[in-house]
PDB file of N, CA and C in Angstrom:
ATOM      1  N   MET A   1      -4.933  40.528  -0.599  1.00  0.00           N
ATOM      2  CA  MET A   1      -4.740  39.214   0.044  1.00  0.00           C
ATOM      3  C   MET A   1      -5.355  39.287   1.488  1.00  0.00           C
ATOM      4  N   ARG A   2      -6.107  38.308   1.735  1.00  0.00           N
ATOM      5  CA  ARG A   2      -6.750  38.181   3.029  1.00  0.00           C
ATOM      6  C   ARG A   2      -5.702  37.489   4.020  1.00  0.00           C
ATOM      7  N   GLU A   3      -5.878  37.932   5.333  1.00  0.00           N
ATOM      8  CA  GLU A   3      -5.033  37.379   6.373  1.00  0.00           C
ATOM      9  C   GLU A   3      -5.912  36.643   7.311  1.00  0.00           C
ATOM     10  N   THR A   4      -5.451  35.442   7.705  1.00  0.00           N
ATOM     11  CA  THR A   4      -6.197  34.660   8.705  1.00  0.00           C
ATOM     12  C   THR A   4      -5.215  34.295   9.873  1.00  0.00           C
ATOM     13  N   ARG A   5      -5.777  34.589  11.059  1.00  0.00           N
ATOM     14  CA  ARG A   5      -4.819  34.381  12.281  1.00  0.00           C
ATOM     15  C   ARG A   5      -5.200  33.003  12.945  1.00  0.00           C
ATOM     16  N   LEU A   6      -4.372  32.167  13.213  1.00  0.00           N
ATOM     17  CA  LEU A   6      -4.655  31.015  13.917  1.00  0.00           C
ATOM     18  C   LEU A   6      -3.833  30.909  15.232  1.00  0.00           C
ATOM     19  N   THR A   7      -4.451  30.249  16.051  1.00  0.00           N
ATOM     20  CA  THR A   7      -3.783  30.079  17.423  1.00  0.00           C
ATOM     21  C   THR A   7      -2.809  28.714  17.125  1.00  0.00           C
ATOM     22  N   LEU A   8      -2.026  28.583  17.976  1.00  0.00           N
ATOM     23  CA  LEU A   8      -1.018  27.412  17.969  1.00  0.00           C
ATOM     24  C   LEU A   8      -1.831  26.064  18.185  1.00  0.00           C
ATOM     25  N   PRO A   9      -2.953  25.942  19.032  1.00  0.00           N
ATOM     26  CA  PRO A   9      -3.630  24.720  19.001  1.00  0.00           C
ATOM     27  C   PRO A   9      -4.381  24.466  17.838  1.00  0.00           C
ATOM     28  N   GLU A  10      -4.953  25.576  17.159  1.00  0.00           N
ATOM     29  CA  GLU A  10      -5.713  25.381  15.901  1.00  0.00           C
ATOM     30  C   GLU A  10      -4.727  24.927  14.827  1.00  0.00           C
ATOM     31  N   LEU A  11      -3.535  25.310  14.728  1.00  0.00           N
ATOM     32  CA  LEU A  11      -2.659  24.965  13.830  1.00  0.00           C
ATOM     33  C   LEU A  11      -2.192  23.474  14.014  1.00  0.00           C
ATOM     34  N   ALA A  12      -2.056  23.159  15.271  1.00  0.00           N
ATOM     35  CA  ALA A  12      -1.727  21.746  15.632  1.00  0.00           C
ATOM     36  C   ALA A  12      -2.744  20.681  15.210  1.00  0.00           C
ATOM     37  N   LEU A  13      -4.038  21.193  15.395  1.00  0.00           N
ATOM     38  CA  LEU A  13      -5.177  20.413  15.010  1.00  0.00           C
ATOM     39  C   LEU A  13      -5.275  20.349  13.442  1.00  0.00           C
ATOM     40  N   ILE A  14      -4.985  21.287  12.764  1.00  0.00           N
ATOM     41  CA  ILE A  14      -4.984  21.229  11.375  1.00  0.00           C
ATOM     42  C   ILE A  14      -3.850  20.272  10.885  1.00  0.00           C
ATOM     43  N   ALA A  15      -2.527  20.393  11.450  1.00  0.00           N
ATOM     44  CA  ALA A  15      -1.550  19.584  11.002  1.00  0.00           C
ATOM     45  C   ALA A  15      -1.735  18.140  11.407  1.00  0.00           C
ATOM     46  N   GLY A  16      -2.465  17.832  12.533  1.00  0.00           N
ATOM     47  CA  GLY A  16      -2.635  16.506  12.949  1.00  0.00           C
ATOM     48  C   GLY A  16      -3.681  15.863  12.127  1.00  0.00           C
ATOM     49  N   THR A  17      -4.818  16.598  11.681  1.00  0.00           N
ATOM     50  CA  THR A  17      -5.693  15.965  10.763  1.00  0.00           C
ATOM     51  C   THR A  17      -5.119  15.608   9.339  1.00  0.00           C
ATOM     52  N   ARG A  18      -4.290  16.669   8.967  1.00  0.00           N
ATOM     53  CA  ARG A  18      -3.597  16.335   7.657  1.00  0.00           C
ATOM     54  C   ARG A  18      -2.571  15.195   7.861  1.00  0.00           C
ATOM     55  N   GLY A  19      -2.044  15.015   8.948  1.00  0.00           N
ATOM     56  CA  GLY A  19      -1.140  13.833   9.185  1.00  0.00           C
ATOM     57  C   GLY A  19      -2.069  12.553   9.190  1.00  0.00           C
ATOM     58  N   ALA A  20      -3.124  12.512   9.772  1.00  0.00           N
ATOM     59  CA  ALA A  20      -3.947  11.329   9.801  1.00  0.00           C
ATOM     60  C   ALA A  20      -4.356  11.002   8.482  1.00  0.00           C
ATOM     61  N   LEU A  21      -4.837  11.946   7.686  1.00  0.00           N
ATOM     62  CA  LEU A  21      -5.263  11.742   6.396  1.00  0.00           C
ATOM     63  C   LEU A  21      -4.205  11.248   5.432  1.00  0.00           C
ATOM     64  N   GLY A  22      -2.881  11.736   5.595  1.00  0.00           N
ATOM     65  CA  GLY A  22      -1.914  11.213   4.855  1.00  0.00           C
ATOM     66  C   GLY A  22      -1.447   9.871   5.194  1.00  0.00           C
ATOM     67  N   ALA A  23      -1.430   9.621   6.557  1.00  0.00           N
ATOM     68  CA  ALA A  23      -1.089   8.195   6.994  1.00  0.00           C
ATOM     69  C   ALA A  23      -2.063   7.280   6.582  1.00  0.00           C
ATOM     70  N   GLY A  24      -3.417   7.719   6.553  1.00  0.00           N
ATOM     71  CA  GLY A  24      -4.420   6.633   6.092  1.00  0.00           C
ATOM     72  C   GLY A  24      -4.259   6.335   4.587  1.00  0.00           C
ATOM     73  N   VAL A  25      -3.812   7.405   3.819  1.00  0.00           N
ATOM     74  CA  VAL A  25      -3.725   7.075   2.413  1.00  0.00           C
ATOM     75  C   VAL A  25      -2.344   6.154   2.200  1.00  0.00           C
ATOM     76  N   ALA A  26      -1.443   6.596   3.022  1.00  0.00           N
ATOM     77  CA  ALA A  26      -0.084   5.724   2.836  1.00  0.00           C
ATOM     78  C   ALA A  26      -0.317   4.290   3.334  1.00  0.00           C
ATOM     79  N   LEU A  27      -1.143   4.073   4.252  1.00  0.00           N
ATOM     80  CA  LEU A  27      -1.388   2.686   4.685  1.00  0.00           C
ATOM     81  C   LEU A  27      -2.181   1.980   3.612  1.00  0.00           C
ATOM     82  N   LEU A  28      -3.043   2.684   2.864  1.00  0.00           N
ATOM     83  CA  LEU A  28      -3.804   2.098   1.900  1.00  0.00           C
ATOM     84  C   LEU A  28      -3.074   1.453   0.715  1.00  0.00           C
ATOM     85  N   VAL A  29      -1.903   2.193   0.556  1.00  0.00           N
ATOM     86  CA  VAL A  29      -1.038   1.632  -0.511  1.00  0.00           C
ATOM     87  C   VAL A  29       0.256   0.882  -0.048  1.00  0.00           C
ATOM     88  N   ALA A  30       0.407   0.811   1.221  1.00  0.00           N
ATOM     89  CA  ALA A  30       1.527   0.171   1.667  1.00  0.00           C
ATOM     90  C   ALA A  30       1.458  -1.387   1.694  1.00  0.00           C
ATOM     91  N   ASP A  31       2.542  -2.129   1.836  1.00  0.00           N
ATOM     92  CA  ASP A  31       2.517  -3.625   1.814  1.00  0.00           C
ATOM     93  C   ASP A  31       3.062  -4.232   3.084  1.00  0.00           C
ATOM     94  N   ARG A  32       3.166  -3.362   4.153  1.00  0.00           N
ATOM     95  CA  ARG A  32       3.528  -3.975   5.431  1.00  0.00           C
ATOM     96  C   ARG A  32       2.540  -4.695   6.278  1.00  0.00           C
ATOM     97  N   PHE A  33       1.172  -4.495   5.986  1.00  0.00           N
ATOM     98  CA  PHE A  33       0.093  -5.240   6.684  1.00  0.00           C
ATOM     99  C   PHE A  33      -0.598  -6.048   5.662  1.00  0.00           C
ATOM    100  N   SER A  34      -1.329  -7.025   6.273  1.00  0.00           N
ATOM    101  CA  SER A  34      -2.140  -7.820   5.364  1.00  0.00           C
ATOM    102  C   SER A  34      -3.188  -6.861   4.640  1.00  0.00           C
ATOM    103  N   LYS A  35      -3.842  -7.218   3.546  1.00  0.00           N
ATOM    104  CA  LYS A  35      -4.704  -6.446   2.880  1.00  0.00           C
ATOM    105  C   LYS A  35      -5.866  -5.940   3.751  1.00  0.00           C
ATOM    106  N   GLU A  36      -6.279  -6.850   4.508  1.00  0.00           N
ATOM    107  CA  GLU A  36      -7.524  -6.548   5.410  1.00  0.00           C
ATOM    108  C   GLU A  36      -7.138  -5.528   6.473  1.00  0.00           C
ATOM    109  N   GLN A  37      -5.923  -5.787   7.129  1.00  0.00           N
ATOM    110  CA  GLN A  37      -5.391  -4.908   8.090  1.00  0.00           C
ATOM    111  C   GLN A  37      -5.115  -3.466   7.579  1.00  0.00           C
ATOM    112  N   ARG A  38      -4.436  -3.428   6.400  1.00  0.00           N
ATOM    113  CA  ARG A  38      -4.122  -2.102   5.807  1.00  0.00           C
ATOM    114  C   ARG A  38      -5.493  -1.414   5.332  1.00  0.00           C
ATOM    115  N   ARG A  39      -6.440  -2.009   4.881  1.00  0.00           N
ATOM    116  CA  ARG A  39      -7.766  -1.354   4.551  1.00  0.00           C
ATOM    117  C   ARG A  39      -8.421  -0.840   5.628  1.00  0.00           C
ATOM    118  N   SER A  40      -8.457  -1.626   6.714  1.00  0.00           N
ATOM    119  CA  SER A  40      -9.137  -1.267   8.100  1.00  0.00           C
ATOM    120  C   SER A  40      -8.503  -0.073   8.650  1.00  0.00           C
ATOM    121  N   ILE A  41      -7.185  -0.086   8.988  1.00  0.00           N
ATOM    122  CA  ILE A  41      -6.389   1.062   9.465  1.00  0.00           C
ATOM    123  C   ILE A  41      -6.351   2.191   8.625  1.00  0.00           C
ATOM    124  N   GLY A  42      -6.175   2.035   7.339  1.00  0.00           N
ATOM    125  CA  GLY A  42      -6.030   3.067   6.354  1.00  0.00           C
ATOM    126  C   GLY A  42      -7.472   3.884   6.161  1.00  0.00           C
ATOM    127  N   TRP A  43      -8.498   3.241   6.065  1.00  0.00           N
ATOM    128  CA  TRP A  43      -9.800   3.763   6.049  1.00  0.00           C
ATOM    129  C   TRP A  43     -10.192   4.605   7.246  1.00  0.00           C
ATOM    130  N   THR A  44      -9.838   3.949   8.403  1.00  0.00           N
ATOM    131  CA  THR A  44     -10.154   4.592   9.769  1.00  0.00           C
ATOM    132  C   THR A  44      -9.379   5.880   9.843  1.00  0.00           C
ATOM    133  N   LEU A  45      -8.045   5.982   9.554  1.00  0.00           N
ATOM    134  CA  LEU A  45      -7.126   7.157   9.587  1.00  0.00           C
ATOM    135  C   LEU A  45      -7.800   8.231   8.561  1.00  0.00           C
ATOM    136  N   PHE A  46      -7.983   7.701   7.315  1.00  0.00           N
ATOM    137  CA  PHE A  46      -8.541   8.580   6.288  1.00  0.00           C
ATOM    138  C   PHE A  46      -9.709   9.298   6.801  1.00  0.00           C
ATOM    139  N   LEU A  47     -10.655   8.585   7.278  1.00  0.00           N
ATOM    140  CA  LEU A  47     -12.019   9.088   7.567  1.00  0.00           C
ATOM    141  C   LEU A  47     -11.893   9.961   8.901  1.00  0.00           C
ATOM    142  N   VAL A  48     -11.146   9.777   9.792  1.00  0.00           N
ATOM    143  CA  VAL A  48     -10.880  10.622  10.872  1.00  0.00           C
ATOM    144  C   VAL A  48     -10.281  11.927  10.375  1.00  0.00           C
ATOM    145  N   GLY A  49      -9.288  11.819   9.543  1.00  0.00           N
ATOM    146  CA  GLY A  49      -8.773  13.140   9.041  1.00  0.00           C
ATOM    147  C   GLY A  49      -9.737  13.911   8.223  1.00  0.00           C
ATOM    148  N   ALA A  50     -10.412  13.115   7.352  1.00  0.00           N
ATOM    149  CA  ALA A  50     -11.355  13.921   6.501  1.00  0.00           C
ATOM    150  C   ALA A  50     -12.544  14.504   7.345  1.00  0.00           C
ATOM    151  N   ILE A  51     -13.192  13.739   8.247  1.00  0.00           N
ATOM    152  CA  ILE A  51     -14.179  14.193   9.038  1.00  0.00           C
ATOM    153  C   ILE A  51     -13.846  15.457   9.918  1.00  0.00           C
ATOM    154  N   SER A  52     -12.649  15.254  10.502  1.00  0.00           N
ATOM    155  CA  SER A  52     -12.197  16.290  11.483  1.00  0.00           C
ATOM    156  C   SER A  52     -11.797  17.555  10.796  1.00  0.00           C
ATOM    157  N   THR A  53     -11.762  17.589   9.489  1.00  0.00           N
ATOM    158  CA  THR A  53     -11.239  18.765   8.614  1.00  0.00           C
ATOM    159  C   THR A  53     -12.441  19.635   8.513  1.00  0.00           C
ATOM    160  N   VAL A  54     -13.691  19.225   8.401  1.00  0.00           N
ATOM    161  CA  VAL A  54     -14.836  20.042   8.151  1.00  0.00           C
ATOM    162  C   VAL A  54     -15.038  21.159   9.235  1.00  0.00           C
ATOM    163  N   PRO A  55     -15.008  20.778  10.627  1.00  0.00           N
ATOM    164  CA  PRO A  55     -15.174  21.860  11.681  1.00  0.00           C
ATOM    165  C   PRO A  55     -13.925  22.719  11.708  1.00  0.00           C
ATOM    166  N   LEU A  56     -12.802  22.232  11.486  1.00  0.00           N
ATOM    167  CA  LEU A  56     -11.736  23.147  11.475  1.00  0.00           C
ATOM    168  C   LEU A  56     -11.679  24.037  10.281  1.00  0.00           C
ATOM    169  N   ALA A  57     -12.092  23.642   9.095  1.00  0.00           N
ATOM    170  CA  ALA A  57     -12.056  24.427   7.979  1.00  0.00           C
ATOM    171  C   ALA A  57     -13.127  25.718   8.038  1.00  0.00           C
ATOM    172  N   MET A  58     -14.287  25.145   8.809  1.00  0.00           N
ATOM    173  CA  MET A  58     -15.329  26.211   8.944  1.00  0.00           C
ATOM    174  C   MET A  58     -14.818  27.296  10.009  1.00  0.00           C
ATOM    175  N   GLU A  59     -14.089  26.772  11.007  1.00  0.00           N
ATOM    176  CA  GLU A  59     -13.508  27.735  11.887  1.00  0.00           C
ATOM    177  C   GLU A  59     -12.530  28.764  11.281  1.00  0.00           C
ATOM    178  N   VAL A  60     -11.695  28.162  10.424  1.00  0.00           N
ATOM    179  CA  VAL A  60     -10.587  28.843   9.819  1.00  0.00           C
ATOM    180  C   VAL A  60     -11.159  29.941   8.835  1.00  0.00           C
ATOM    181  N   PHE A  61     -12.099  29.391   8.022  1.00  0.00           N
ATOM    182  CA  PHE A  61     -12.755  30.314   7.122  1.00  0.00           C
ATOM    183  C   PHE A  61     -13.672  31.312   7.693  1.00  0.00           C
ATOM    184  N   GLY A  62     -14.192  31.008   8.861  1.00  0.00           N
ATOM    185  CA  GLY A  62     -14.755  31.989   9.600  1.00  0.00           C
ATOM    186  C   GLY A  62     -14.161  33.160  10.133  1.00  0.00           C
ATOM    187  N   LYS A  63     -12.806  33.039  10.195  1.00  0.00           N
ATOM    188  CA  LYS A  63     -11.905  33.956  10.713  1.00  0.00           C
ATOM    189  C   LYS A  63     -11.301  34.806   9.704  1.00  0.00           C
ATOM    190  N   ARG A  64     -11.727  34.924   8.472  1.00  0.00           N
ATOM    191  CA  ARG A  64     -11.151  35.511   7.319  1.00  0.00           C
ATOM    192  C   ARG A  64     -11.131  37.054   7.466  1.00  0.00           C
ATOM    193  N   ASP A  65     -11.674  37.561   8.467  1.00  0.00           N
ATOM    194  CA  ASP A  65     -11.752  39.033   8.631  1.00  0.00           C
ATOM    195  C   ASP A  65     -10.402  39.707   9.004  1.00  0.00           C
ATOM    196  N   GLY A  66      -9.467  38.953   9.248  1.00  0.00           N
ATOM    197  CA  GLY A  66      -8.057  39.445   9.485  1.00  0.00           C
ATOM    198  C   GLY A  66      -7.872  39.912  11.065  1.00  0.00           C
ATOM    199  N   CYS A  67      -8.942  39.773  11.877  1.00  0.00           N
ATOM    200  CA  CYS A  67      -8.737  40.168  13.363  1.00  0.00           C
ATOM    201  C   CYS A  67      -9.069  39.050  14.156  1.00  0.00           C
ATOM    202  N   GLY A  68      -8.875  37.754  13.703  1.00  0.00           N
ATOM    203  CA  GLY A  68      -8.987  36.608  14.541  1.00  0.00           C
ATOM    204  C   GLY A  68     -10.525  36.293  14.990  1.00  0.00           C
ATOM    205  N   GLY A  69     -11.473  36.845  14.030  1.00  0.00           N
ATOM    206  CA  GLY A  69     -12.861  36.488  14.350  1.00  0.00           C
ATOM    207  C   GLY A  69     -13.506  37.209  15.577  1.00  0.00           C
ATOM    208  N   GLN A  70     -12.765  38.341  16.003  1.00  0.00           N
ATOM    209  CA  GLN A  70     -13.226  39.059  17.218  1.00  0.00           C
ATOM    210  C   GLN A  70     -13.905  40.318  16.596  1.00  0.00           C
TER     211      GLN A  70
END
């Protein structure tokens, strides 16, 4: 098994992007807003979460050597 070490700020960024992605999906299926508002907010949160995942994933997978990328 491989070990990956993350700093607390990295972990917070990962959790934040996952939260934005989840909130975006939830808003896409929620009935609290009008259809137009829901789509606009939902797609924005979804895309921010998805796009910000790419550099974070590259950073995490680049640290797979077990010593924090050093």
